[in-house]
Amino acid sequence: MKYFRNISNINNQQKKVITLLTERPQNTYDLRKKGIYAPSARICELRAKGYIIVTTWQHIVDETNINHRVALYTLFHSPINEIFKKTA
C-alpha cells in the first residue's frame, strides 16, 4: 500500500504557519491548538523553502497542570521570492 501525502493540506498548513509566525512567535502547543498537528514537520519544510525560523525551547504548563518542554518558533526572514509576491 502506498502512502500519499495530502499536498494541498500541507501547503495550506505551511501558509497558516507563516501567517501565525508573522504575527508573533508560536510554540508547538499553540500551533497544535490552531490545527497544525505536526508543527516540526511544517517548520522543516518551510526552512527547506528558504524561511529562516529559529527554534528555542520553553516550558509550559497545560490546562491539566502538566509541565511540557515545547519548541518556540520565531520567523526571522522570508525567502526573497515571497517578499516580491506580496509587493507585486
N, C-alpha and C. Protein backbone atom coordinates (compact mmCIF):
# COMPACT_ATOMS: atom_id res chain seq x y z
N MET A 1 0.85 -1.19 0.00
CA MET A 1 0.00 0.00 0.00
C MET A 1 0.89 1.25 0.00
N LYS A 2 0.57 2.17 -0.87
CA LYS A 2 1.33 3.41 -0.94
C LYS A 2 0.76 4.42 0.05
N TYR A 3 1.65 5.27 0.53
CA TYR A 3 1.25 6.35 1.42
C TYR A 3 1.26 7.64 0.62
N PHE A 4 0.14 8.31 0.56
CA PHE A 4 0.02 9.57 -0.18
C PHE A 4 -0.15 10.72 0.80
N ARG A 5 0.66 11.75 0.61
CA ARG A 5 0.50 12.95 1.43
C ARG A 5 -0.50 13.87 0.75
N ASN A 6 -1.31 14.51 1.54
CA ASN A 6 -2.26 15.48 1.01
C ASN A 6 -1.52 16.80 0.83
N ILE A 7 -0.98 17.00 -0.37
CA ILE A 7 -0.12 18.15 -0.63
C ILE A 7 -0.85 19.47 -0.42
N SER A 8 -2.10 19.57 -0.87
CA SER A 8 -2.81 20.84 -0.71
C SER A 8 -3.00 21.16 0.77
N ASN A 9 -3.27 20.16 1.58
CA ASN A 9 -3.42 20.38 3.01
C ASN A 9 -2.09 20.83 3.62
N ILE A 10 -0.99 20.21 3.19
CA ILE A 10 0.33 20.60 3.69
C ILE A 10 0.62 22.04 3.30
N ASN A 11 0.35 22.40 2.05
CA ASN A 11 0.58 23.78 1.61
C ASN A 11 -0.27 24.76 2.41
N ASN A 12 -1.51 24.41 2.65
CA ASN A 12 -2.38 25.28 3.46
C ASN A 12 -1.85 25.42 4.87
N GLN A 13 -1.36 24.33 5.43
CA GLN A 13 -0.80 24.40 6.78
C GLN A 13 0.46 25.26 6.81
N GLN A 14 1.30 25.13 5.78
CA GLN A 14 2.50 25.96 5.70
C GLN A 14 2.13 27.44 5.65
N LYS A 15 1.14 27.78 4.83
CA LYS A 15 0.69 29.18 4.75
C LYS A 15 0.16 29.66 6.10
N LYS A 16 -0.57 28.80 6.78
CA LYS A 16 -1.12 29.17 8.08
C LYS A 16 0.00 29.39 9.09
N VAL A 17 1.02 28.53 9.07
CA VAL A 17 2.16 28.69 9.98
C VAL A 17 2.86 30.01 9.72
N ILE A 18 3.11 30.34 8.45
CA ILE A 18 3.77 31.61 8.12
C ILE A 18 2.93 32.78 8.58
N THR A 19 1.63 32.73 8.36
CA THR A 19 0.75 33.81 8.82
C THR A 19 0.84 33.98 10.32
N LEU A 20 0.78 32.88 11.06
CA LEU A 20 0.85 32.94 12.52
C LEU A 20 2.20 33.44 13.00
N LEU A 21 3.29 32.97 12.35
CA LEU A 21 4.63 33.41 12.77
C LEU A 21 4.88 34.87 12.42
N THR A 22 4.19 35.39 11.42
CA THR A 22 4.32 36.80 11.08
C THR A 22 3.72 37.67 12.18
N GLU A 23 2.68 37.15 12.83
CA GLU A 23 2.02 37.88 13.92
C GLU A 23 2.88 37.91 15.18
N ARG A 24 3.45 36.75 15.53
CA ARG A 24 4.28 36.63 16.74
C ARG A 24 4.89 35.25 16.78
N PRO A 25 5.93 35.01 17.60
CA PRO A 25 6.46 33.65 17.75
C PRO A 25 5.36 32.71 18.26
N GLN A 26 5.43 31.47 17.82
CA GLN A 26 4.43 30.47 18.19
C GLN A 26 5.15 29.24 18.75
N ASN A 27 4.55 28.62 19.77
CA ASN A 27 5.14 27.38 20.25
C ASN A 27 4.34 26.17 19.73
N THR A 28 4.90 25.00 19.92
CA THR A 28 4.29 23.77 19.44
C THR A 28 2.86 23.63 19.93
N TYR A 29 2.66 23.91 21.18
CA TYR A 29 1.33 23.77 21.80
C TYR A 29 0.32 24.70 21.13
N ASP A 30 0.71 25.96 20.92
CA ASP A 30 -0.18 26.93 20.26
C ASP A 30 -0.52 26.49 18.83
N LEU A 31 0.48 26.04 18.09
CA LEU A 31 0.25 25.63 16.70
C LEU A 31 -0.68 24.43 16.62
N ARG A 32 -0.52 23.49 17.53
CA ARG A 32 -1.42 22.33 17.53
C ARG A 32 -2.86 22.74 17.84
N LYS A 33 -3.03 23.69 18.76
CA LYS A 33 -4.38 24.18 19.07
C LYS A 33 -5.00 24.87 17.86
N LYS A 34 -4.17 25.37 16.93
CA LYS A 34 -4.67 26.07 15.75
C LYS A 34 -4.73 25.17 14.52
N GLY A 35 -4.63 23.85 14.73
CA GLY A 35 -4.82 22.90 13.64
C GLY A 35 -3.56 22.43 12.94
N ILE A 36 -2.39 22.82 13.42
CA ILE A 36 -1.13 22.35 12.84
C ILE A 36 -0.63 21.22 13.75
N TYR A 37 -0.96 19.98 13.38
CA TYR A 37 -0.70 18.86 14.28
C TYR A 37 0.70 18.29 14.18
N ALA A 38 1.46 18.69 13.17
CA ALA A 38 2.86 18.29 13.05
C ALA A 38 3.71 19.54 12.81
N PRO A 39 3.78 20.41 13.83
CA PRO A 39 4.49 21.69 13.64
C PRO A 39 5.94 21.52 13.21
N SER A 40 6.65 20.57 13.78
CA SER A 40 8.07 20.43 13.44
C SER A 40 8.25 20.06 11.97
N ALA A 41 7.34 19.26 11.42
CA ALA A 41 7.43 18.91 10.00
C ALA A 41 7.19 20.12 9.13
N ARG A 42 6.17 20.93 9.47
CA ARG A 42 5.88 22.14 8.68
C ARG A 42 7.05 23.11 8.75
N ILE A 43 7.65 23.27 9.92
CA ILE A 43 8.80 24.17 10.08
C ILE A 43 9.97 23.68 9.24
N CYS A 44 10.22 22.39 9.26
CA CYS A 44 11.30 21.80 8.47
C CYS A 44 11.08 22.07 6.97
N GLU A 45 9.85 21.88 6.50
CA GLU A 45 9.52 22.14 5.10
C GLU A 45 9.71 23.60 4.74
N LEU A 46 9.30 24.49 5.63
CA LEU A 46 9.44 25.92 5.38
C LEU A 46 10.91 26.33 5.35
N ARG A 47 11.70 25.76 6.23
CA ARG A 47 13.14 26.05 6.20
C ARG A 47 13.75 25.61 4.88
N ALA A 48 13.31 24.46 4.37
CA ALA A 48 13.81 23.97 3.07
C ALA A 48 13.43 24.92 1.94
N LYS A 49 12.35 25.69 2.12
CA LYS A 49 11.92 26.67 1.12
C LYS A 49 12.63 28.01 1.27
N GLY A 50 13.48 28.14 2.28
CA GLY A 50 14.26 29.36 2.44
C GLY A 50 13.86 30.25 3.60
N TYR A 51 12.86 29.87 4.36
CA TYR A 51 12.47 30.67 5.52
C TYR A 51 13.50 30.46 6.63
N ILE A 52 13.84 31.53 7.30
CA ILE A 52 14.74 31.42 8.46
C ILE A 52 13.86 31.46 9.70
N ILE A 53 13.74 30.31 10.33
CA ILE A 53 12.91 30.16 11.53
C ILE A 53 13.80 29.61 12.62
N VAL A 54 13.88 30.33 13.71
CA VAL A 54 14.73 29.95 14.83
C VAL A 54 13.90 29.22 15.88
N THR A 55 14.47 28.15 16.41
CA THR A 55 13.81 27.37 17.45
C THR A 55 14.50 27.62 18.79
N THR A 56 13.73 27.96 19.78
CA THR A 56 14.21 28.00 21.16
C THR A 56 13.28 27.11 21.96
N TRP A 57 13.69 26.76 23.15
CA TRP A 57 12.89 25.85 23.96
C TRP A 57 12.30 26.57 25.16
N GLN A 58 11.09 26.19 25.51
CA GLN A 58 10.44 26.77 26.67
C GLN A 58 9.63 25.69 27.38
N HIS A 59 9.34 25.93 28.63
CA HIS A 59 8.50 25.03 29.41
C HIS A 59 7.16 25.69 29.63
N ILE A 60 6.10 24.95 29.38
CA ILE A 60 4.75 25.46 29.61
C ILE A 60 4.00 24.46 30.49
N VAL A 61 2.98 24.95 31.14
CA VAL A 61 2.09 24.11 31.93
C VAL A 61 0.75 24.10 31.22
N ASP A 62 0.24 22.91 30.89
CA ASP A 62 -1.03 22.84 30.18
C ASP A 62 -2.21 22.96 31.14
N GLU A 63 -3.42 22.84 30.59
CA GLU A 63 -4.63 23.02 31.41
C GLU A 63 -4.83 21.93 32.45
N THR A 64 -4.09 20.81 32.31
CA THR A 64 -4.17 19.74 33.33
C THR A 64 -3.02 19.82 34.32
N ASN A 65 -2.30 20.95 34.29
CA ASN A 65 -1.21 21.22 35.22
C ASN A 65 0.01 20.33 35.00
N ILE A 66 0.21 19.90 33.75
CA ILE A 66 1.38 19.09 33.40
C ILE A 66 2.39 19.98 32.68
N ASN A 67 3.66 19.87 33.09
CA ASN A 67 4.73 20.67 32.52
C ASN A 67 5.23 20.00 31.23
N HIS A 68 5.39 20.80 30.17
CA HIS A 68 5.87 20.31 28.88
C HIS A 68 7.02 21.17 28.39
N ARG A 69 8.01 20.54 27.77
CA ARG A 69 9.07 21.27 27.06
C ARG A 69 8.63 21.35 25.61
N VAL A 70 8.47 22.57 25.10
CA VAL A 70 7.99 22.76 23.74
C VAL A 70 8.92 23.70 22.97
N ALA A 71 8.87 23.57 21.65
CA ALA A 71 9.65 24.45 20.79
C ALA A 71 8.91 25.77 20.61
N LEU A 72 9.66 26.85 20.64
CA LEU A 72 9.13 28.18 20.32
C LEU A 72 9.77 28.59 19.00
N TYR A 73 8.94 28.82 17.98
CA TYR A 73 9.42 29.15 16.64
C TYR A 73 9.28 30.64 16.39
N THR A 74 10.36 31.24 15.90
CA THR A 74 10.38 32.67 15.58
C THR A 74 10.82 32.84 14.14
N LEU A 75 10.01 33.54 13.35
CA LEU A 75 10.33 33.81 11.95
C LEU A 75 11.23 35.04 11.87
N PHE A 76 12.41 34.87 11.27
CA PHE A 76 13.34 35.98 11.12
C PHE A 76 13.45 36.49 9.70
N HIS A 77 13.16 35.62 8.72
CA HIS A 77 13.34 36.04 7.34
C HIS A 77 12.51 35.17 6.42
N SER A 78 11.88 35.81 5.43
CA SER A 78 11.15 35.09 4.39
C SER A 78 12.00 35.05 3.13
N PRO A 79 11.83 34.03 2.30
CA PRO A 79 12.59 33.97 1.04
C PRO A 79 12.28 35.20 0.18
N ILE A 80 13.24 35.62 -0.59
CA ILE A 80 13.12 36.83 -1.39
C ILE A 80 11.94 36.74 -2.37
N ASN A 81 11.68 35.57 -2.93
CA ASN A 81 10.57 35.46 -3.88
C ASN A 81 9.23 35.66 -3.19
N GLU A 82 9.10 35.31 -1.93
CA GLU A 82 7.87 35.53 -1.19
C GLU A 82 7.65 37.02 -0.95
N ILE A 83 8.72 37.75 -0.69
CA ILE A 83 8.62 39.18 -0.46
C ILE A 83 8.12 39.88 -1.73
N PHE A 84 8.67 39.48 -2.90
CA PHE A 84 8.26 40.10 -4.16
C PHE A 84 6.82 39.76 -4.50
N LYS A 85 6.33 38.58 -4.15
CA LYS A 85 4.94 38.21 -4.42
C LYS A 85 3.99 39.15 -3.69
N LYS A 86 4.36 39.57 -2.48
CA LYS A 86 3.49 40.42 -1.68
C LYS A 86 3.44 41.84 -2.24
N THR A 87 4.54 42.31 -2.84
CA THR A 87 4.58 43.68 -3.31
C THR A 87 4.14 43.81 -4.76
N ALA A 88 4.08 42.70 -5.46
CA ALA A 88 3.71 42.76 -6.90
C ALA A 88 2.22 42.87 -7.09
